[in-house]
Every structure is written in C-alpha cells, then in structure tokens.
Amino acid sequence: MTTIELKKVLIHRINEINDVSFLTAIKTILDSKSGTTVLALTEEQRNEINESRKEVKQGHYIEHELLDKKVSEWLNTK
C-alpha cells in the first residue's frame, strides 16, 4: 500500500469514528508527530518572556552550575 492509499484509508476510517475520547487520542498522536505545536500565550506571559530576554542581555542571570554551588553552600550553613 502506498503512502497516499494509506492516508485515504485512514481518513475514511477516522471519518467513521464518533468517539470523542478516541479522536482526541488520535489528535494527540498526530500533534506529537507534526512538530508544529503552537503555544497560545497570554499578553502577560509574552511580556514576562520579553522582560526575561532583556535581563539576560543585560547580564542579569546566574548560570545553573553556579546556582547549584550557591544553594549547596547555603544548605550546608543551615
């Protein structure tokens, strides 16, 4: 069976399904394969991301390894 024939069979079979949970499961599988998942962000989330990017450009961040070291030191002094 060619790819085109298989797609036609699948489309036909999916059109016959009325089970919403099953169709949702199929959609989840298809979404995971498409690689084009788009996240819908709120205005507040977009603003937070933009602010974070500005902070990184200004050097206002700490690298993960250094943060781990500081946390370990802090925990050992308690």
PDB file of N, CA and C in Angstrom:
ATOM      1  N   MET A   1       0.852  -1.169   0.000  1.00  0.00           N
ATOM      2  CA  MET A   1       0.000   0.000   0.000  1.00  0.00           C
ATOM      3  C   MET A   1       0.904   1.240   0.000  1.00  0.00           C
ATOM      4  N   THR A   2       0.605   2.175  -0.875  1.00  0.00           N
ATOM      5  CA  THR A   2       1.400   3.405  -0.950  1.00  0.00           C
ATOM      6  C   THR A   2       1.003   4.363   0.182  1.00  0.00           C
ATOM      7  N   THR A   3       1.793   5.369   0.349  1.00  0.00           N
ATOM      8  CA  THR A   3       1.511   6.372   1.379  1.00  0.00           C
ATOM      9  C   THR A   3       0.176   7.063   1.110  1.00  0.00           C
ATOM     10  N   ILE A   4      -0.078   7.397  -0.122  1.00  0.00           N
ATOM     11  CA  ILE A   4      -1.332   8.073  -0.486  1.00  0.00           C
ATOM     12  C   ILE A   4      -2.524   7.172  -0.210  1.00  0.00           C
ATOM     13  N   GLU A   5      -2.414   5.908  -0.571  1.00  0.00           N
ATOM     14  CA  GLU A   5      -3.516   4.965  -0.312  1.00  0.00           C
ATOM     15  C   GLU A   5      -3.759   4.805   1.187  1.00  0.00           C
ATOM     16  N   LEU A   6      -2.690   4.709   1.951  1.00  0.00           N
ATOM     17  CA  LEU A   6      -2.812   4.567   3.395  1.00  0.00           C
ATOM     18  C   LEU A   6      -3.478   5.798   4.013  1.00  0.00           C
ATOM     19  N   LYS A   7      -3.096   6.983   3.565  1.00  0.00           N
ATOM     20  CA  LYS A   7      -3.719   8.215   4.060  1.00  0.00           C
ATOM     21  C   LYS A   7      -5.213   8.227   3.767  1.00  0.00           C
ATOM     22  N   LYS A   8      -5.588   7.806   2.573  1.00  0.00           N
ATOM     23  CA  LYS A   8      -7.010   7.770   2.213  1.00  0.00           C
ATOM     24  C   LYS A   8      -7.785   6.802   3.100  1.00  0.00           C
ATOM     25  N   VAL A   9      -7.194   5.630   3.361  1.00  0.00           N
ATOM     26  CA  VAL A   9      -7.842   4.642   4.233  1.00  0.00           C
ATOM     27  C   VAL A   9      -8.013   5.218   5.638  1.00  0.00           C
ATOM     28  N   LEU A  10      -6.967   5.836   6.144  1.00  0.00           N
ATOM     29  CA  LEU A  10      -7.024   6.407   7.489  1.00  0.00           C
ATOM     30  C   LEU A  10      -8.058   7.527   7.582  1.00  0.00           C
ATOM     31  N   ILE A  11      -8.077   8.395   6.600  1.00  0.00           N
ATOM     32  CA  ILE A  11      -9.061   9.480   6.595  1.00  0.00           C
ATOM     33  C   ILE A  11     -10.470   8.908   6.598  1.00  0.00           C
ATOM     34  N   HIS A  12     -10.707   7.912   5.760  1.00  0.00           N
ATOM     35  CA  HIS A  12     -12.030   7.280   5.699  1.00  0.00           C
ATOM     36  C   HIS A  12     -12.401   6.667   7.049  1.00  0.00           C
ATOM     37  N   ARG A  13     -11.461   5.944   7.654  1.00  0.00           N
ATOM     38  CA  ARG A  13     -11.730   5.287   8.946  1.00  0.00           C
ATOM     39  C   ARG A  13     -11.980   6.309  10.046  1.00  0.00           C
ATOM     40  N   ILE A  14     -11.203   7.388  10.054  1.00  0.00           N
ATOM     41  CA  ILE A  14     -11.378   8.428  11.068  1.00  0.00           C
ATOM     42  C   ILE A  14     -12.740   9.094  10.915  1.00  0.00           C
ATOM     43  N   ASN A  15     -13.170   9.294   9.696  1.00  0.00           N
ATOM     44  CA  ASN A  15     -14.489   9.904   9.452  1.00  0.00           C
ATOM     45  C   ASN A  15     -15.628   9.069  10.012  1.00  0.00           C
ATOM     46  N   GLU A  16     -15.412   7.788  10.185  1.00  0.00           N
ATOM     47  CA  GLU A  16     -16.455   6.899  10.708  1.00  0.00           C
ATOM     48  C   GLU A  16     -16.493   6.865  12.238  1.00  0.00           C
ATOM     49  N   ILE A  17     -15.484   7.417  12.890  1.00  0.00           N
ATOM     50  CA  ILE A  17     -15.387   7.362  14.357  1.00  0.00           C
ATOM     51  C   ILE A  17     -16.176   8.511  14.976  1.00  0.00           C
ATOM     52  N   ASN A  18     -16.988   8.197  15.998  1.00  0.00           N
ATOM     53  CA  ASN A  18     -17.756   9.206  16.715  1.00  0.00           C
ATOM     54  C   ASN A  18     -17.348   9.327  18.179  1.00  0.00           C
ATOM     55  N   ASP A  19     -16.398   8.534  18.610  1.00  0.00           N
ATOM     56  CA  ASP A  19     -15.931   8.532  19.992  1.00  0.00           C
ATOM     57  C   ASP A  19     -14.954   9.690  20.202  1.00  0.00           C
ATOM     58  N   VAL A  20     -15.401  10.713  20.953  1.00  0.00           N
ATOM     59  CA  VAL A  20     -14.604  11.917  21.137  1.00  0.00           C
ATOM     60  C   VAL A  20     -13.274  11.620  21.818  1.00  0.00           C
ATOM     61  N   SER A  21     -13.265  10.763  22.828  1.00  0.00           N
ATOM     62  CA  SER A  21     -12.006  10.479  23.523  1.00  0.00           C
ATOM     63  C   SER A  21     -11.022   9.758  22.606  1.00  0.00           C
ATOM     64  N   PHE A  22     -11.522   8.885  21.755  1.00  0.00           N
ATOM     65  CA  PHE A  22     -10.650   8.186  20.812  1.00  0.00           C
ATOM     66  C   PHE A  22     -10.091   9.164  19.776  1.00  0.00           C
ATOM     67  N   LEU A  23     -10.937  10.054  19.279  1.00  0.00           N
ATOM     68  CA  LEU A  23     -10.487  11.057  18.318  1.00  0.00           C
ATOM     69  C   LEU A  23      -9.466  12.003  18.955  1.00  0.00           C
ATOM     70  N   THR A  24      -9.662  12.326  20.222  1.00  0.00           N
ATOM     71  CA  THR A  24      -8.709  13.168  20.942  1.00  0.00           C
ATOM     72  C   THR A  24      -7.364  12.463  21.059  1.00  0.00           C
ATOM     73  N   ALA A  25      -7.395  11.166  21.318  1.00  0.00           N
ATOM     74  CA  ALA A  25      -6.157  10.388  21.404  1.00  0.00           C
ATOM     75  C   ALA A  25      -5.431  10.386  20.061  1.00  0.00           C
ATOM     76  N   ILE A  26      -6.165  10.235  18.991  1.00  0.00           N
ATOM     77  CA  ILE A  26      -5.563  10.276  17.646  1.00  0.00           C
ATOM     78  C   ILE A  26      -4.947  11.647  17.397  1.00  0.00           C
ATOM     79  N   LYS A  27      -5.657  12.688  17.780  1.00  0.00           N
ATOM     80  CA  LYS A  27      -5.141  14.045  17.600  1.00  0.00           C
ATOM     81  C   LYS A  27      -3.841  14.237  18.377  1.00  0.00           C
ATOM     82  N   THR A  28      -3.786  13.713  19.590  1.00  0.00           N
ATOM     83  CA  THR A  28      -2.576  13.824  20.407  1.00  0.00           C
ATOM     84  C   THR A  28      -1.397  13.154  19.704  1.00  0.00           C
ATOM     85  N   ILE A  29      -1.636  11.987  19.152  1.00  0.00           N
ATOM     86  CA  ILE A  29      -0.583  11.272  18.417  1.00  0.00           C
ATOM     87  C   ILE A  29      -0.138  12.092  17.212  1.00  0.00           C
ATOM     88  N   LEU A  30      -1.096  12.607  16.457  1.00  0.00           N
ATOM     89  CA  LEU A  30      -0.760  13.390  15.273  1.00  0.00           C
ATOM     90  C   LEU A  30      -0.019  14.671  15.641  1.00  0.00           C
ATOM     91  N   ASP A  31      -0.452  15.325  16.717  1.00  0.00           N
ATOM     92  CA  ASP A  31       0.219  16.550  17.156  1.00  0.00           C
ATOM     93  C   ASP A  31       1.657  16.283  17.546  1.00  0.00           C
ATOM     94  N   SER A  32       1.918  15.135  18.171  1.00  0.00           N
ATOM     95  CA  SER A  32       3.280  14.823  18.604  1.00  0.00           C
ATOM     96  C   SER A  32       4.203  14.564  17.408  1.00  0.00           C
ATOM     97  N   LYS A  33       3.652  14.136  16.299  1.00  0.00           N
ATOM     98  CA  LYS A  33       4.449  13.843  15.107  1.00  0.00           C
ATOM     99  C   LYS A  33       4.634  15.066  14.218  1.00  0.00           C
ATOM    100  N   SER A  34       3.744  16.030  14.311  1.00  0.00           N
ATOM    101  CA  SER A  34       3.801  17.164  13.391  1.00  0.00           C
ATOM    102  C   SER A  34       4.956  18.102  13.694  1.00  0.00           C
ATOM    103  N   GLY A  35       5.311  18.228  14.971  1.00  0.00           N
ATOM    104  CA  GLY A  35       6.407  19.110  15.333  1.00  0.00           C
ATOM    105  C   GLY A  35       6.073  20.586  15.191  1.00  0.00           C
ATOM    106  N   THR A  36       4.820  20.903  14.982  1.00  0.00           N
ATOM    107  CA  THR A  36       4.426  22.301  14.807  1.00  0.00           C
ATOM    108  C   THR A  36       3.447  22.737  15.886  1.00  0.00           C
ATOM    109  N   THR A  37       3.661  22.264  17.089  1.00  0.00           N
ATOM    110  CA  THR A  37       2.795  22.651  18.182  1.00  0.00           C
ATOM    111  C   THR A  37       2.986  24.129  18.475  1.00  0.00           C
ATOM    112  N   VAL A  38       1.894  24.855  18.527  1.00  0.00           N
ATOM    113  CA  VAL A  38       1.929  26.284  18.783  1.00  0.00           C
ATOM    114  C   VAL A  38       1.317  26.537  20.151  1.00  0.00           C
ATOM    115  N   LEU A  39       2.061  27.217  20.988  1.00  0.00           N
ATOM    116  CA  LEU A  39       1.550  27.563  22.299  1.00  0.00           C
ATOM    117  C   LEU A  39       0.852  28.915  22.222  1.00  0.00           C
ATOM    118  N   ALA A  40      -0.313  28.992  22.814  1.00  0.00           N
ATOM    119  CA  ALA A  40      -1.033  30.258  22.882  1.00  0.00           C
ATOM    120  C   ALA A  40      -0.680  30.917  24.207  1.00  0.00           C
ATOM    121  N   LEU A  41       0.054  32.013  24.138  1.00  0.00           N
ATOM    122  CA  LEU A  41       0.479  32.717  25.332  1.00  0.00           C
ATOM    123  C   LEU A  41      -0.413  33.913  25.595  1.00  0.00           C
ATOM    124  N   THR A  42      -0.587  34.213  26.871  1.00  0.00           N
ATOM    125  CA  THR A  42      -1.327  35.409  27.234  1.00  0.00           C
ATOM    126  C   THR A  42      -0.409  36.611  27.043  1.00  0.00           C
ATOM    127  N   GLU A  43      -0.995  37.786  27.066  1.00  0.00           N
ATOM    128  CA  GLU A  43      -0.208  39.012  26.952  1.00  0.00           C
ATOM    129  C   GLU A  43       0.793  39.104  28.103  1.00  0.00           C
ATOM    130  N   GLU A  44       0.353  38.724  29.291  1.00  0.00           N
ATOM    131  CA  GLU A  44       1.225  38.742  30.466  1.00  0.00           C
ATOM    132  C   GLU A  44       2.419  37.800  30.281  1.00  0.00           C
ATOM    133  N   GLN A  45       2.179  36.613  29.742  1.00  0.00           N
ATOM    134  CA  GLN A  45       3.267  35.663  29.513  1.00  0.00           C
ATOM    135  C   GLN A  45       4.258  36.198  28.486  1.00  0.00           C
ATOM    136  N   ARG A  46       3.744  36.799  27.411  1.00  0.00           N
ATOM    137  CA  ARG A  46       4.631  37.378  26.398  1.00  0.00           C
ATOM    138  C   ARG A  46       5.485  38.495  26.997  1.00  0.00           C
ATOM    139  N   ASN A  47       4.861  39.323  27.847  1.00  0.00           N
ATOM    140  CA  ASN A  47       5.607  40.403  28.493  1.00  0.00           C
ATOM    141  C   ASN A  47       6.698  39.857  29.403  1.00  0.00           C
ATOM    142  N   GLU A  48       6.385  38.805  30.166  1.00  0.00           N
ATOM    143  CA  GLU A  48       7.375  38.188  31.055  1.00  0.00           C
ATOM    144  C   GLU A  48       8.554  37.635  30.262  1.00  0.00           C
ATOM    145  N   ILE A  49       8.269  36.988  29.146  1.00  0.00           N
ATOM    146  CA  ILE A  49       9.334  36.440  28.303  1.00  0.00           C
ATOM    147  C   ILE A  49      10.208  37.557  27.753  1.00  0.00           C
ATOM    148  N   ASN A  50       9.582  38.621  27.265  1.00  0.00           N
ATOM    149  CA  ASN A  50      10.352  39.744  26.733  1.00  0.00           C
ATOM    150  C   ASN A  50      11.197  40.400  27.814  1.00  0.00           C
ATOM    151  N   GLU A  51      10.644  40.559  29.008  1.00  0.00           N
ATOM    152  CA  GLU A  51      11.400  41.138  30.125  1.00  0.00           C
ATOM    153  C   GLU A  51      12.582  40.239  30.498  1.00  0.00           C
ATOM    154  N   SER A  52      12.364  38.936  30.510  1.00  0.00           N
ATOM    155  CA  SER A  52      13.443  37.991  30.824  1.00  0.00           C
ATOM    156  C   SER A  52      14.557  38.065  29.791  1.00  0.00           C
ATOM    157  N   ARG A  53      14.197  38.187  28.537  1.00  0.00           N
ATOM    158  CA  ARG A  53      15.206  38.303  27.483  1.00  0.00           C
ATOM    159  C   ARG A  53      16.054  39.552  27.676  1.00  0.00           C
ATOM    160  N   LYS A  54      15.405  40.655  28.045  1.00  0.00           N
ATOM    161  CA  LYS A  54      16.141  41.901  28.304  1.00  0.00           C
ATOM    162  C   LYS A  54      17.111  41.707  29.462  1.00  0.00           C
ATOM    163  N   GLU A  55      16.665  41.045  30.526  1.00  0.00           N
ATOM    164  CA  GLU A  55      17.516  40.815  31.684  1.00  0.00           C
ATOM    165  C   GLU A  55      18.731  39.967  31.325  1.00  0.00           C
ATOM    166  N   VAL A  56      18.543  38.951  30.505  1.00  0.00           N
ATOM    167  CA  VAL A  56      19.661  38.099  30.080  1.00  0.00           C
ATOM    168  C   VAL A  56      20.656  38.929  29.270  1.00  0.00           C
ATOM    169  N   LYS A  57      20.159  39.761  28.353  1.00  0.00           N
ATOM    170  CA  LYS A  57      21.050  40.612  27.549  1.00  0.00           C
ATOM    171  C   LYS A  57      21.861  41.560  28.418  1.00  0.00           C
ATOM    172  N   GLN A  58      21.270  41.979  29.551  1.00  0.00           N
ATOM    173  CA  GLN A  58      21.949  42.896  30.461  1.00  0.00           C
ATOM    174  C   GLN A  58      22.863  42.149  31.439  1.00  0.00           C
ATOM    175  N   GLY A  59      22.901  40.827  31.325  1.00  0.00           N
ATOM    176  CA  GLY A  59      23.768  40.036  32.191  1.00  0.00           C
ATOM    177  C   GLY A  59      23.178  39.742  33.558  1.00  0.00           C
ATOM    178  N   HIS A  60      21.881  39.931  33.713  1.00  0.00           N
ATOM    179  CA  HIS A  60      21.209  39.697  34.995  1.00  0.00           C
ATOM    180  C   HIS A  60      20.701  38.258  35.066  1.00  0.00           C
ATOM    181  N   TYR A  61      21.635  37.340  35.196  1.00  0.00           N
ATOM    182  CA  TYR A  61      21.291  35.921  35.317  1.00  0.00           C
ATOM    183  C   TYR A  61      22.437  35.216  36.021  1.00  0.00           C
ATOM    184  N   ILE A  62      22.193  33.992  36.424  1.00  0.00           N
ATOM    185  CA  ILE A  62      23.224  33.179  37.047  1.00  0.00           C
ATOM    186  C   ILE A  62      23.194  31.809  36.366  1.00  0.00           C
ATOM    187  N   GLU A  63      24.377  31.305  36.051  1.00  0.00           N
ATOM    188  CA  GLU A  63      24.448  30.008  35.384  1.00  0.00           C
ATOM    189  C   GLU A  63      24.053  28.899  36.350  1.00  0.00           C
ATOM    190  N   HIS A  64      23.490  27.848  35.804  1.00  0.00           N
ATOM    191  CA  HIS A  64      22.931  26.757  36.596  1.00  0.00           C
ATOM    192  C   HIS A  64      23.952  26.149  37.555  1.00  0.00           C
ATOM    193  N   GLU A  65      25.161  25.888  37.073  1.00  0.00           N
ATOM    194  CA  GLU A  65      26.191  25.271  37.919  1.00  0.00           C
ATOM    195  C   GLU A  65      26.546  26.162  39.104  1.00  0.00           C
ATOM    196  N   LEU A  66      26.659  27.470  38.868  1.00  0.00           N
ATOM    197  CA  LEU A  66      26.973  28.401  39.945  1.00  0.00           C
ATOM    198  C   LEU A  66      25.819  28.470  40.945  1.00  0.00           C
ATOM    199  N   LEU A  67      24.608  28.459  40.440  1.00  0.00           N
ATOM    200  CA  LEU A  67      23.443  28.471  41.321  1.00  0.00           C
ATOM    201  C   LEU A  67      23.420  27.219  42.194  1.00  0.00           C
ATOM    202  N   ASP A  68      23.684  26.062  41.605  1.00  0.00           N
ATOM    203  CA  ASP A  68      23.750  24.813  42.380  1.00  0.00           C
ATOM    204  C   ASP A  68      24.788  24.918  43.493  1.00  0.00           C
ATOM    205  N   LYS A  69      25.941  25.490  43.165  1.00  0.00           N
ATOM    206  CA  LYS A  69      27.009  25.636  44.147  1.00  0.00           C
ATOM    207  C   LYS A  69      26.566  26.546  45.292  1.00  0.00           C
ATOM    208  N   LYS A  70      25.943  27.664  44.955  1.00  0.00           N
ATOM    209  CA  LYS A  70      25.490  28.607  45.978  1.00  0.00           C
ATOM    210  C   LYS A  70      24.406  27.987  46.864  1.00  0.00           C
ATOM    211  N   VAL A  71      23.496  27.236  46.259  1.00  0.00           N
ATOM    212  CA  VAL A  71      22.432  26.584  47.030  1.00  0.00           C
ATOM    213  C   VAL A  71      23.042  25.551  47.970  1.00  0.00           C
ATOM    214  N   SER A  72      24.003  24.777  47.481  1.00  0.00           N
ATOM    215  CA  SER A  72      24.662  23.775  48.325  1.00  0.00           C
ATOM    216  C   SER A  72      25.369  24.439  49.497  1.00  0.00           C
ATOM    217  N   GLU A  73      26.061  25.530  49.215  1.00  0.00           N
ATOM    218  CA  GLU A  73      26.736  26.262  50.297  1.00  0.00           C
ATOM    219  C   GLU A  73      25.719  26.766  51.321  1.00  0.00           C
ATOM    220  N   TRP A  74      24.635  27.304  50.832  1.00  0.00           N
ATOM    221  CA  TRP A  74      23.602  27.850  51.715  1.00  0.00           C
ATOM    222  C   TRP A  74      23.001  26.738  52.579  1.00  0.00           C
ATOM    223  N   LEU A  75      22.733  25.589  51.968  1.00  0.00           N
ATOM    224  CA  LEU A  75      22.153  24.471  52.721  1.00  0.00           C
ATOM    225  C   LEU A  75      23.127  23.935  53.760  1.00  0.00           C
ATOM    226  N   ASN A  76      24.408  23.950  53.454  1.00  0.00           N
ATOM    227  CA  ASN A  76      25.405  23.440  54.396  1.00  0.00           C
ATOM    228  C   ASN A  76      25.630  24.363  55.585  1.00  0.00           C
ATOM    229  N   THR A  77      25.263  25.631  55.466  1.00  0.00           N
ATOM    230  CA  THR A  77      25.430  26.564  56.583  1.00  0.00           C
ATOM    231  C   THR A  77      24.233  26.538  57.520  1.00  0.00           C
ATOM    232  N   LYS A  78      23.174  25.924  57.156  1.00  0.00           N
ATOM    233  CA  LYS A  78      21.965  25.873  57.991  1.00  0.00           C
ATOM    234  C   LYS A  78      22.064  24.799  59.042  1.00  0.00           C
TER     235      LYS A  78
END
